[in-house]
Amino acid sequence: MAVLWGIHNNQPALDLIEGQFVAIGWDELGDLTEIGPDRDAIKSRIFATYPSAKPGAIPVWAGVILRFMDGMAIGDIVVSPNKADSTLNFGEIVSDFYVEPSVDVHRNRRRVKWLQTGVPRATFSQGARYEVGSAVTLFQVKNHADEFMAHIYGVPFAAPSQVGEDDSATESAVEEPSADRIETYSRDFVIDVLKRMDPYRFEHFTAALLEAMGYVARVTQASGDGGVDVIAYRDPLGLEPPIIKVQCKRTVGTIGGPDVQKLAGALAHGGSEVGLFVTLGTYSSYAIHL
C-alpha cells in the first residue's frame, strides 16, 4: 500500500513541477550512490563532512537521507508544500533514488508524476496542515494521510505507521518550533477566520483594511455593483486620482482570467482608476499575466 511522504524544499529557484522531481540537499556529502542505503555509512560521511554538526543532528539527517534513498518506494505519494503561495503539490514517486550531476544544488533526487498542484493549504483541516508543516525535510505523514489521500483519489486511505531505529530523533524534530512554522500557522489562522466570514462582512473587512492604510473606502451596494465591491479614494471627496475599485473573493481556490477581466472592464479609461483584487487564494498564470 502506498505511503504518503511530506517533503520540504528550501530552494525556491528549483522548478519541481516543471522538472517533475523532488529533491533534498546535503550535496556536500558527494555521490551517495557510492555508499548506498547504509545508515552507519551515511552517519560516518555526515560526521566527516560536517564535523561541527551537533551530535543530535547527525541521526536526524541520516534518517532523512536514508528515507529518501531507500524508504520511499515507487508508487508512494509525496506532498510538497509551496510556502510562496501557501499551496500543496501532490505527486507519485516514479523512480528510484538518483544523483543529478549536471546541477549545483539538490542533486539527490526522485522523479515524480504530479497528480495535483497548487492545492490551497486551507482546503485541509488545521491538524493536517500542521502535520505537513514539519520542521524535518522528509517525513512520513501518518495522522492525516487519509485526509490527503481522500482529496487526491476521492476515497479514504490510511497510511501504515513504520517507526524504526533512529526514527525517534526524527519524530522529535518534526515538532520543533521554528520561525517558518509559526509564520505559516499564523497565516493559516487568519485565513481560517476570514474564510468563515460571509461575503458582505469580508467586503467590509477589506474596506476597513484600506481605511487603516489611509484611504477613504466604502462598500458598494450588494447588487448592481458591476463586479466592484469596494471603492477607495485618497481624499474624502473622491476627487483625487487614482480611484481604487476593489473586487473581493472570499475563496481559497484559484482566481482565473475571467474574474480579473471583469474587474478590468469596470475601470474607467485614462488611468484615473486602478483595480485591486482581494482573495484568500491564488491566481492562475493567465490571470497573473493579464
C-alpha atoms as a PDB file:
ATOM      1  CA  MET A   1       0.000   0.000   0.000  1.00  0.00           C
ATOM      2  CA  ALA A   2       1.330   3.443  -0.923  1.00  0.00           C
ATOM      3  CA  VAL A   3       2.821   5.565   1.838  1.00  0.00           C
ATOM      4  CA  LEU A   4       2.362   9.343   1.987  1.00  0.00           C
ATOM      5  CA  TRP A   5       5.518  11.387   2.491  1.00  0.00           C
ATOM      6  CA  GLY A   6       5.897  15.082   3.228  1.00  0.00           C
ATOM      7  CA  ILE A   7       8.912  16.815   1.718  1.00  0.00           C
ATOM      8  CA  HIS A   8      10.166  20.386   2.023  1.00  0.00           C
ATOM      9  CA  ASN A   9      12.462  22.195  -0.374  1.00  0.00           C
ATOM     10  CA  ASN A  10      14.430  25.286   0.627  1.00  0.00           C
ATOM     11  CA  GLN A  11      15.498  26.163  -2.916  1.00  0.00           C
ATOM     12  CA  PRO A  12      12.656  28.264  -4.405  1.00  0.00           C
ATOM     13  CA  ALA A  13      14.613  28.652  -7.646  1.00  0.00           C
ATOM     14  CA  LEU A  14      14.128  24.939  -8.388  1.00  0.00           C
ATOM     15  CA  ASP A  15      11.057  24.324 -10.542  1.00  0.00           C
ATOM     16  CA  LEU A  16       9.963  20.987  -9.124  1.00  0.00           C
ATOM     17  CA  ILE A  17       6.688  20.975 -11.027  1.00  0.00           C
ATOM     18  CA  GLU A  18       8.166  21.648 -14.448  1.00  0.00           C
ATOM     19  CA  GLY A  19      11.128  19.369 -13.766  1.00  0.00           C
ATOM     20  CA  GLN A  20       8.932  16.550 -12.469  1.00  0.00           C
ATOM     21  CA  PHE A  21      11.074  15.705  -9.453  1.00  0.00           C
ATOM     22  CA  VAL A  22      11.565  16.138  -5.710  1.00  0.00           C
ATOM     23  CA  ALA A  23      14.985  16.658  -4.154  1.00  0.00           C
ATOM     24  CA  ILE A  24      16.940  17.004  -0.939  1.00  0.00           C
ATOM     25  CA  GLY A  25      20.208  18.801  -0.214  1.00  0.00           C
ATOM     26  CA  TRP A  26      23.356  17.619   1.557  1.00  0.00           C
ATOM     27  CA  ASP A  27      25.211  17.949  -1.747  1.00  0.00           C
ATOM     28  CA  GLU A  28      28.496  18.261   0.153  1.00  0.00           C
ATOM     29  CA  LEU A  29      28.232  14.563   1.037  1.00  0.00           C
ATOM     30  CA  GLY A  30      29.110  13.673  -2.549  1.00  0.00           C
ATOM     31  CA  ASP A  31      27.613  10.876  -4.595  1.00  0.00           C
ATOM     32  CA  LEU A  32      25.536   8.889  -2.106  1.00  0.00           C
ATOM     33  CA  THR A  33      25.048   6.059  -4.577  1.00  0.00           C
ATOM     34  CA  GLU A  34      28.643   5.114  -3.780  1.00  0.00           C
ATOM     35  CA  ILE A  35      27.735   4.037  -0.244  1.00  0.00           C
ATOM     36  CA  GLY A  36      24.121   3.038  -0.776  1.00  0.00           C
ATOM     37  CA  PRO A  37      21.382   2.927   1.868  1.00  0.00           C
ATOM     38  CA  ASP A  38      23.699   2.069   4.772  1.00  0.00           C
ATOM     39  CA  ARG A  39      22.679   4.032   7.882  1.00  0.00           C
ATOM     40  CA  ASP A  40      26.047   3.731   9.643  1.00  0.00           C
ATOM     41  CA  ALA A  41      27.952   4.667   6.483  1.00  0.00           C
ATOM     42  CA  ILE A  42      25.723   7.684   5.970  1.00  0.00           C
ATOM     43  CA  LYS A  43      26.295   8.787   9.579  1.00  0.00           C
ATOM     44  CA  SER A  44      30.051   8.417   9.158  1.00  0.00           C
ATOM     45  CA  ARG A  45      30.058  10.517   6.000  1.00  0.00           C
ATOM     46  CA  ILE A  46      27.915  13.195   7.650  1.00  0.00           C
ATOM     47  CA  PHE A  47      30.283  13.343  10.629  1.00  0.00           C
ATOM     48  CA  ALA A  48      33.308  13.577   8.327  1.00  0.00           C
ATOM     49  CA  THR A  49      31.718  16.255   6.128  1.00  0.00           C
ATOM     50  CA  TYR A  50      30.139  18.338   8.904  1.00  0.00           C
ATOM     51  CA  PRO A  51      32.476  17.945  11.913  1.00  0.00           C
ATOM     52  CA  SER A  52      30.861  20.901  13.706  1.00  0.00           C
ATOM     53  CA  ALA A  53      27.331  19.448  13.459  1.00  0.00           C
ATOM     54  CA  LYS A  54      25.569  18.872  16.754  1.00  0.00           C
ATOM     55  CA  PRO A  55      25.594  15.182  17.725  1.00  0.00           C
ATOM     56  CA  GLY A  56      21.788  15.126  17.889  1.00  0.00           C
ATOM     57  CA  ALA A  57      21.521  16.359  14.303  1.00  0.00           C
ATOM     58  CA  ILE A  58      23.502  13.506  12.783  1.00  0.00           C
ATOM     59  CA  PRO A  59      20.901  10.719  13.325  1.00  0.00           C
ATOM     60  CA  VAL A  60      18.135  13.061  12.153  1.00  0.00           C
ATOM     61  CA  TRP A  61      19.952  13.919   8.930  1.00  0.00           C
ATOM     62  CA  ALA A  62      20.911  10.292   8.375  1.00  0.00           C
ATOM     63  CA  GLY A  63      17.308   9.227   8.876  1.00  0.00           C
ATOM     64  CA  VAL A  64      16.062  11.772   6.329  1.00  0.00           C
ATOM     65  CA  ILE A  65      18.660  10.782   3.733  1.00  0.00           C
ATOM     66  CA  LEU A  66      18.013   7.067   4.256  1.00  0.00           C
ATOM     67  CA  ARG A  67      14.260   7.594   3.870  1.00  0.00           C
ATOM     68  CA  PHE A  68      14.809   9.451   0.628  1.00  0.00           C
ATOM     69  CA  MET A  69      17.243   6.877  -0.742  1.00  0.00           C
ATOM     70  CA  ASP A  70      15.572   3.666   0.393  1.00  0.00           C
ATOM     71  CA  GLY A  71      12.455   4.275   2.481  1.00  0.00           C
ATOM     72  CA  MET A  72      10.428   5.840  -0.305  1.00  0.00           C
ATOM     73  CA  ALA A  73       9.162   3.360  -2.876  1.00  0.00           C
ATOM     74  CA  ILE A  74       7.976   3.730  -6.437  1.00  0.00           C
ATOM     75  CA  GLY A  75       4.234   4.279  -6.227  1.00  0.00           C
ATOM     76  CA  ASP A  76       4.397   6.156  -2.911  1.00  0.00           C
ATOM     77  CA  ILE A  77       2.805   9.618  -2.759  1.00  0.00           C
ATOM     78  CA  VAL A  78       4.534  12.872  -1.821  1.00  0.00           C
ATOM     79  CA  VAL A  79       3.052  16.148  -0.638  1.00  0.00           C
ATOM     80  CA  SER A  80       5.321  19.115  -1.297  1.00  0.00           C
ATOM     81  CA  PRO A  81       4.286  22.433   0.320  1.00  0.00           C
ATOM     82  CA  ASN A  82       4.948  25.652  -1.574  1.00  0.00           C
ATOM     83  CA  LYS A  83       5.492  28.342   1.039  1.00  0.00           C
ATOM     84  CA  ALA A  84       5.434  31.172  -1.525  1.00  0.00           C
ATOM     85  CA  ASP A  85       1.719  30.806  -2.261  1.00  0.00           C
ATOM     86  CA  SER A  86       0.555  28.605   0.652  1.00  0.00           C
ATOM     87  CA  THR A  87      -0.351  25.670  -1.581  1.00  0.00           C
ATOM     88  CA  LEU A  88       0.375  21.947  -1.627  1.00  0.00           C
ATOM     89  CA  ASN A  89       1.509  19.782  -4.533  1.00  0.00           C
ATOM     90  CA  PHE A  90       0.788  16.044  -4.651  1.00  0.00           C
ATOM     91  CA  GLY A  91       2.712  13.575  -6.767  1.00  0.00           C
ATOM     92  CA  GLU A  92       3.556   9.904  -7.231  1.00  0.00           C
ATOM     93  CA  ILE A  93       7.137   8.639  -6.958  1.00  0.00           C
ATOM     94  CA  VAL A  94       8.069   7.065 -10.318  1.00  0.00           C
ATOM     95  CA  SER A  95      11.812   6.413  -9.968  1.00  0.00           C
ATOM     96  CA  ASP A  96      14.424   5.118  -7.590  1.00  0.00           C
ATOM     97  CA  PHE A  97      16.915   7.464  -5.948  1.00  0.00           C
ATOM     98  CA  TYR A  98      19.401   9.063  -8.332  1.00  0.00           C
ATOM     99  CA  VAL A  99      22.017  11.806  -8.357  1.00  0.00           C
ATOM    100  CA  GLU A 100      21.799  14.562 -10.968  1.00  0.00           C
ATOM    101  CA  PRO A 101      25.444  15.597 -11.577  1.00  0.00           C
ATOM    102  CA  SER A 102      24.602  18.415 -14.004  1.00  0.00           C
ATOM    103  CA  VAL A 103      23.130  20.738 -11.328  1.00  0.00           C
ATOM    104  CA  ASP A 104      24.733  22.686  -8.499  1.00  0.00           C
ATOM    105  CA  VAL A 105      22.146  22.241  -5.728  1.00  0.00           C
ATOM    106  CA  HIS A 106      19.857  19.444  -4.565  1.00  0.00           C
ATOM    107  CA  ARG A 107      21.393  16.789  -6.756  1.00  0.00           C
ATOM    108  CA  ASN A 108      19.805  13.990  -4.712  1.00  0.00           C
ATOM    109  CA  ARG A 109      16.500  13.369  -6.487  1.00  0.00           C
ATOM    110  CA  ARG A 110      13.465  11.216  -7.213  1.00  0.00           C
ATOM    111  CA  ARG A 111      11.310  11.582 -10.312  1.00  0.00           C
ATOM    112  CA  VAL A 112       7.664  12.408  -9.674  1.00  0.00           C
ATOM    113  CA  LYS A 113       4.447  12.336 -11.670  1.00  0.00           C
ATOM    114  CA  TRP A 114       2.492  15.276 -10.314  1.00  0.00           C
ATOM    115  CA  LEU A 115      -1.160  14.425  -9.652  1.00  0.00           C
ATOM    116  CA  GLN A 116      -2.439  17.733  -8.270  1.00  0.00           C
ATOM    117  CA  THR A 117      -0.609  21.039  -7.946  1.00  0.00           C
ATOM    118  CA  GLY A 118      -1.429  24.386  -6.388  1.00  0.00           C
ATOM    119  CA  VAL A 119      -3.982  23.000  -3.905  1.00  0.00           C
ATOM    120  CA  PRO A 120      -4.666  25.676  -1.233  1.00  0.00           C
ATOM    121  CA  ARG A 121      -3.498  24.672   2.240  1.00  0.00           C
ATOM    122  CA  ALA A 122      -6.765  25.964   3.648  1.00  0.00           C
ATOM    123  CA  THR A 123      -8.540  23.090   1.863  1.00  0.00           C
ATOM    124  CA  PHE A 124      -7.415  20.790   4.679  1.00  0.00           C
ATOM    125  CA  SER A 125      -8.012  20.627   8.412  1.00  0.00           C
ATOM    126  CA  GLN A 126      -5.809  22.503  10.835  1.00  0.00           C
ATOM    127  CA  GLY A 127      -4.239  19.267  12.077  1.00  0.00           C
ATOM    128  CA  ALA A 128      -3.414  18.152   8.543  1.00  0.00           C
ATOM    129  CA  ARG A 129      -1.789  21.494   7.757  1.00  0.00           C
ATOM    130  CA  TYR A 130       0.257  21.336  10.946  1.00  0.00           C
ATOM    131  CA  GLU A 131       1.478  17.837  10.157  1.00  0.00           C
ATOM    132  CA  VAL A 132       2.823  18.761   6.713  1.00  0.00           C
ATOM    133  CA  GLY A 133       4.424  21.848   8.260  1.00  0.00           C
ATOM    134  CA  SER A 134       7.010  19.581   9.897  1.00  0.00           C
ATOM    135  CA  ALA A 135      10.435  21.025  10.637  1.00  0.00           C
ATOM    136  CA  VAL A 136      12.055  17.961   9.043  1.00  0.00           C
ATOM    137  CA  THR A 137      12.953  17.893   5.333  1.00  0.00           C
ATOM    138  CA  LEU A 138      11.362  14.475   4.694  1.00  0.00           C
ATOM    139  CA  PHE A 139       8.906  12.620   6.921  1.00  0.00           C
ATOM    140  CA  GLN A 140       6.088  10.106   6.727  1.00  0.00           C
ATOM    141  CA  VAL A 141       2.627  11.655   7.002  1.00  0.00           C
ATOM    142  CA  LYS A 142       0.749   9.391   9.401  1.00  0.00           C
ATOM    143  CA  ASN A 143      -2.003  11.102  11.365  1.00  0.00           C
ATOM    144  CA  HIS A 144      -3.769  12.769   8.427  1.00  0.00           C
ATOM    145  CA  ALA A 145      -2.721  10.618   5.494  1.00  0.00           C
ATOM    146  CA  ASP A 146      -6.313   9.506   4.932  1.00  0.00           C
ATOM    147  CA  GLU A 147      -7.464  13.117   4.607  1.00  0.00           C
ATOM    148  CA  PHE A 148      -4.871  13.923   1.954  1.00  0.00           C
ATOM    149  CA  MET A 149      -5.413  10.665   0.081  1.00  0.00           C
ATOM    150  CA  ALA A 150      -9.158  11.231   0.100  1.00  0.00           C
ATOM    151  CA  HIS A 151      -8.567  14.582  -1.565  1.00  0.00           C
ATOM    152  CA  ILE A 152      -6.335  13.075  -4.242  1.00  0.00           C
ATOM    153  CA  TYR A 153      -8.378   9.997  -5.071  1.00  0.00           C
ATOM    154  CA  GLY A 154     -11.799  10.669  -3.579  1.00  0.00           C
ATOM    155  CA  VAL A 155     -11.572   7.579  -1.334  1.00  0.00           C
ATOM    156  CA  PRO A 156     -10.455   7.107   2.307  1.00  0.00           C
ATOM    157  CA  PHE A 157      -6.878   5.968   2.820  1.00  0.00           C
ATOM    158  CA  ALA A 158      -4.820   5.191   5.947  1.00  0.00           C
ATOM    159  CA  ALA A 159      -1.038   5.109   5.653  1.00  0.00           C
ATOM    160  CA  PRO A 160       0.793   2.472   7.729  1.00  0.00           C
ATOM    161  CA  SER A 161       2.924   3.541  10.657  1.00  0.00           C
ATOM    162  CA  GLN A 162       6.525   2.423  10.384  1.00  0.00           C
ATOM    163  CA  VAL A 163       8.969   3.572  13.032  1.00  0.00           C
ATOM    164  CA  GLY A 164      12.469   2.147  13.082  1.00  0.00           C
ATOM    165  CA  GLU A 165      15.896   2.790  14.531  1.00  0.00           C
ATOM    166  CA  ASP A 166      16.805   6.459  14.954  1.00  0.00           C
ATOM    167  CA  ASP A 167      13.272   7.461  13.949  1.00  0.00           C
ATOM    168  CA  SER A 168      12.593   8.672  17.492  1.00  0.00           C
ATOM    169  CA  ALA A 169      15.076  11.504  16.911  1.00  0.00           C
ATOM    170  CA  THR A 170      13.343  12.458  13.682  1.00  0.00           C
ATOM    171  CA  GLU A 171       9.895  12.290  15.274  1.00  0.00           C
ATOM    172  CA  SER A 172      11.036  14.739  17.962  1.00  0.00           C
ATOM    173  CA  ALA A 173      12.430  17.113  15.349  1.00  0.00           C
ATOM    174  CA  VAL A 174       9.121  17.082  13.478  1.00  0.00           C
ATOM    175  CA  GLU A 175       7.503  19.041  16.299  1.00  0.00           C
ATOM    176  CA  GLU A 176      10.312  21.519  16.893  1.00  0.00           C
ATOM    177  CA  PRO A 177       9.080  25.128  16.735  1.00  0.00           C
ATOM    178  CA  SER A 178      10.622  27.401  14.119  1.00  0.00           C
ATOM    179  CA  ALA A 179      10.057  30.886  12.777  1.00  0.00           C
ATOM    180  CA  ASP A 180       8.835  29.474   9.454  1.00  0.00           C
ATOM    181  CA  ARG A 181       6.284  27.211  11.127  1.00  0.00           C
ATOM    182  CA  ILE A 182       4.996  29.991  13.391  1.00  0.00           C
ATOM    183  CA  GLU A 183       4.609  32.291  10.385  1.00  0.00           C
ATOM    184  CA  THR A 184       2.782  29.603   8.407  1.00  0.00           C
ATOM    185  CA  TYR A 185       0.451  28.678  11.276  1.00  0.00           C
ATOM    186  CA  SER A 186      -0.352  32.346  11.937  1.00  0.00           C
ATOM    187  CA  ARG A 187      -1.236  32.824   8.260  1.00  0.00           C
ATOM    188  CA  ASP A 188      -3.422  29.714   8.353  1.00  0.00           C
ATOM    189  CA  PHE A 189      -5.241  31.007  11.433  1.00  0.00           C
ATOM    190  CA  VAL A 190      -6.005  34.347   9.789  1.00  0.00           C
ATOM    191  CA  ILE A 191      -7.259  32.652   6.598  1.00  0.00           C
ATOM    192  CA  ASP A 192      -9.461  30.311   8.638  1.00  0.00           C
ATOM    193  CA  VAL A 193     -11.105  33.302  10.320  1.00  0.00           C
ATOM    194  CA  LEU A 194     -11.591  35.230   7.079  1.00  0.00           C
ATOM    195  CA  LYS A 195     -12.975  32.338   5.042  1.00  0.00           C
ATOM    196  CA  ARG A 196     -15.719  31.815   7.650  1.00  0.00           C
ATOM    197  CA  MET A 197     -16.957  35.368   7.142  1.00  0.00           C
ATOM    198  CA  ASP A 198     -19.979  35.883   4.941  1.00  0.00           C
ATOM    199  CA  PRO A 199     -19.133  37.755   1.717  1.00  0.00           C
ATOM    200  CA  TYR A 200     -20.651  41.047   2.897  1.00  0.00           C
ATOM    201  CA  ARG A 201     -18.577  41.076   6.108  1.00  0.00           C
ATOM    202  CA  PHE A 202     -15.460  40.238   4.073  1.00  0.00           C
ATOM    203  CA  GLU A 203     -16.093  43.288   1.888  1.00  0.00           C
ATOM    204  CA  HIS A 204     -16.419  45.479   4.994  1.00  0.00           C
ATOM    205  CA  PHE A 205     -13.212  43.973   6.378  1.00  0.00           C
ATOM    206  CA  THR A 206     -11.424  44.873   3.128  1.00  0.00           C
ATOM    207  CA  ALA A 207     -12.783  48.419   3.276  1.00  0.00           C
ATOM    208  CA  ALA A 208     -11.640  48.756   6.905  1.00  0.00           C
ATOM    209  CA  LEU A 209      -8.181  47.492   5.954  1.00  0.00           C
ATOM    210  CA  LEU A 210      -7.908  50.148   3.232  1.00  0.00           C
ATOM    211  CA  GLU A 211      -9.016  52.813   5.701  1.00  0.00           C
ATOM    212  CA  ALA A 212      -6.301  51.668   8.109  1.00  0.00           C
ATOM    213  CA  MET A 213      -3.864  52.236   5.245  1.00  0.00           C
ATOM    214  CA  GLY A 214      -5.001  55.867   4.953  1.00  0.00           C
ATOM    215  CA  TYR A 215      -7.689  55.639   2.254  1.00  0.00           C
ATOM    216  CA  VAL A 216     -11.341  56.627   2.387  1.00  0.00           C
ATOM    217  CA  ALA A 217     -13.305  53.496   1.484  1.00  0.00           C
ATOM    218  CA  ARG A 218     -16.929  52.468   1.100  1.00  0.00           C
ATOM    219  CA  VAL A 219     -18.664  49.203   0.282  1.00  0.00           C
ATOM    220  CA  THR A 220     -20.899  49.284  -2.808  1.00  0.00           C
ATOM    221  CA  GLN A 221     -24.485  48.077  -2.954  1.00  0.00           C
ATOM    222  CA  ALA A 222     -24.874  44.307  -2.705  1.00  0.00           C
ATOM    223  CA  SER A 223     -26.442  44.160  -6.152  1.00  0.00           C
ATOM    224  CA  GLY A 224     -25.710  46.010  -9.349  1.00  0.00           C
ATOM    225  CA  ASP A 225     -22.122  46.719  -8.370  1.00  0.00           C
ATOM    226  CA  GLY A 226     -20.753  45.699 -11.754  1.00  0.00           C
ATOM    227  CA  GLY A 227     -18.145  43.437 -10.172  1.00  0.00           C
ATOM    228  CA  VAL A 228     -16.845  46.168  -7.839  1.00  0.00           C
ATOM    229  CA  ASP A 229     -17.324  45.533  -4.102  1.00  0.00           C
ATOM    230  CA  VAL A 230     -15.356  48.405  -2.554  1.00  0.00           C
ATOM    231  CA  ILE A 231     -14.324  51.835  -3.805  1.00  0.00           C
ATOM    232  CA  ALA A 232     -11.437  53.676  -2.156  1.00  0.00           C
ATOM    233  CA  TYR A 233     -10.147  57.245  -2.595  1.00  0.00           C
ATOM    234  CA  ARG A 234      -7.180  59.274  -1.473  1.00  0.00           C
ATOM    235  CA  ASP A 235      -9.352  62.175  -0.289  1.00  0.00           C
ATOM    236  CA  PRO A 236     -12.760  62.349   1.457  1.00  0.00           C
ATOM    237  CA  LEU A 237     -14.473  63.810  -1.642  1.00  0.00           C
ATOM    238  CA  GLY A 238     -13.134  61.193  -4.006  1.00  0.00           C
ATOM    239  CA  LEU A 239     -11.751  63.777  -6.399  1.00  0.00           C
ATOM    240  CA  GLU A 240      -8.049  62.996  -6.238  1.00  0.00           C
ATOM    241  CA  PRO A 241      -6.955  60.140  -8.512  1.00  0.00           C
ATOM    242  CA  PRO A 242      -6.409  57.306  -8.522  1.00  0.00           C
ATOM    243  CA  ILE A 243      -9.763  55.870  -7.573  1.00  0.00           C
ATOM    244  CA  ILE A 244      -9.339  52.259  -6.460  1.00  0.00           C
ATOM    245  CA  LYS A 245     -12.042  49.785  -7.418  1.00  0.00           C
ATOM    246  CA  VAL A 246     -11.860  46.550  -5.439  1.00  0.00           C
ATOM    247  CA  GLN A 247     -13.196  43.074  -6.199  1.00  0.00           C
ATOM    248  CA  CYS A 248     -13.413  40.761  -3.163  1.00  0.00           C
ATOM    249  CA  LYS A 249     -13.464  36.965  -3.467  1.00  0.00           C
ATOM    250  CA  ARG A 250     -13.581  35.121  -0.141  1.00  0.00           C
ATOM    251  CA  THR A 251     -12.232  31.909  -1.601  1.00  0.00           C
ATOM    252  CA  VAL A 252      -9.127  29.777  -1.096  1.00  0.00           C
ATOM    253  CA  GLY A 253      -9.291  28.496  -4.671  1.00  0.00           C
ATOM    254  CA  THR A 254      -7.588  29.788  -7.790  1.00  0.00           C
ATOM    255  CA  ILE A 255      -8.798  33.014  -9.395  1.00  0.00           C
ATOM    256  CA  GLY A 256      -8.909  32.729 -13.171  1.00  0.00           C
ATOM    257  CA  GLY A 257      -8.597  35.201 -16.010  1.00  0.00           C
ATOM    258  CA  PRO A 258     -12.358  35.908 -16.413  1.00  0.00           C
ATOM    259  CA  ASP A 259     -12.621  37.254 -12.844  1.00  0.00           C
ATOM    260  CA  VAL A 260      -9.689  39.600 -13.375  1.00  0.00           C
ATOM    261  CA  GLN A 261     -11.026  40.675 -16.771  1.00  0.00           C
ATOM    262  CA  LYS A 262     -14.382  41.524 -15.194  1.00  0.00           C
ATOM    263  CA  LEU A 263     -12.697  43.900 -12.766  1.00  0.00           C
ATOM    264  CA  ALA A 264     -10.576  45.407 -15.540  1.00  0.00           C
ATOM    265  CA  GLY A 265     -13.730  46.029 -17.568  1.00  0.00           C
ATOM    266  CA  ALA A 266     -15.203  48.076 -14.713  1.00  0.00           C
ATOM    267  CA  LEU A 267     -12.333  50.566 -14.748  1.00  0.00           C
ATOM    268  CA  ALA A 268     -12.610  53.919 -16.475  1.00  0.00           C
ATOM    269  CA  HIS A 269     -10.216  54.621 -19.338  1.00  0.00           C
ATOM    270  CA  GLY A 270      -7.455  57.192 -18.961  1.00  0.00           C
ATOM    271  CA  GLY A 271      -5.690  55.891 -15.888  1.00  0.00           C
ATOM    272  CA  SER A 272      -7.778  57.698 -13.247  1.00  0.00           C
ATOM    273  CA  GLU A 273      -8.934  54.345 -11.819  1.00  0.00           C
ATOM    274  CA  VAL A 274      -6.979  51.276 -10.759  1.00  0.00           C
ATOM    275  CA  GLY A 275      -8.197  47.823  -9.845  1.00  0.00           C
ATOM    276  CA  LEU A 276      -7.422  45.814  -6.725  1.00  0.00           C
ATOM    277  CA  PHE A 277      -8.367  42.138  -6.496  1.00  0.00           C
ATOM    278  CA  VAL A 278      -8.549  40.738  -2.951  1.00  0.00           C
ATOM    279  CA  THR A 279      -8.717  36.963  -2.419  1.00  0.00           C
ATOM    280  CA  LEU A 280      -7.640  34.347   0.113  1.00  0.00           C
ATOM    281  CA  GLY A 281      -6.473  32.045  -2.679  1.00  0.00           C
ATOM    282  CA  THR A 282      -4.083  32.226  -5.588  1.00  0.00           C
ATOM    283  CA  TYR A 283      -4.189  33.320  -9.239  1.00  0.00           C
ATOM    284  CA  SER A 284      -3.848  31.278 -12.392  1.00  0.00           C
ATOM    285  CA  SER A 285      -0.857  32.048 -14.605  1.00  0.00           C
ATOM    286  CA  TYR A 286      -3.242  33.555 -17.165  1.00  0.00           C
ATOM    287  CA  ALA A 287      -4.793  35.850 -14.559  1.00  0.00           C
ATOM    288  CA  ILE A 288      -1.361  36.993 -13.384  1.00  0.00           C
ATOM    289  CA  HIS A 289      -0.266  37.959 -16.905  1.00  0.00           C
ATOM    290  CA  LEU A 290      -3.403  39.908 -17.792  1.00  0.00           C
END
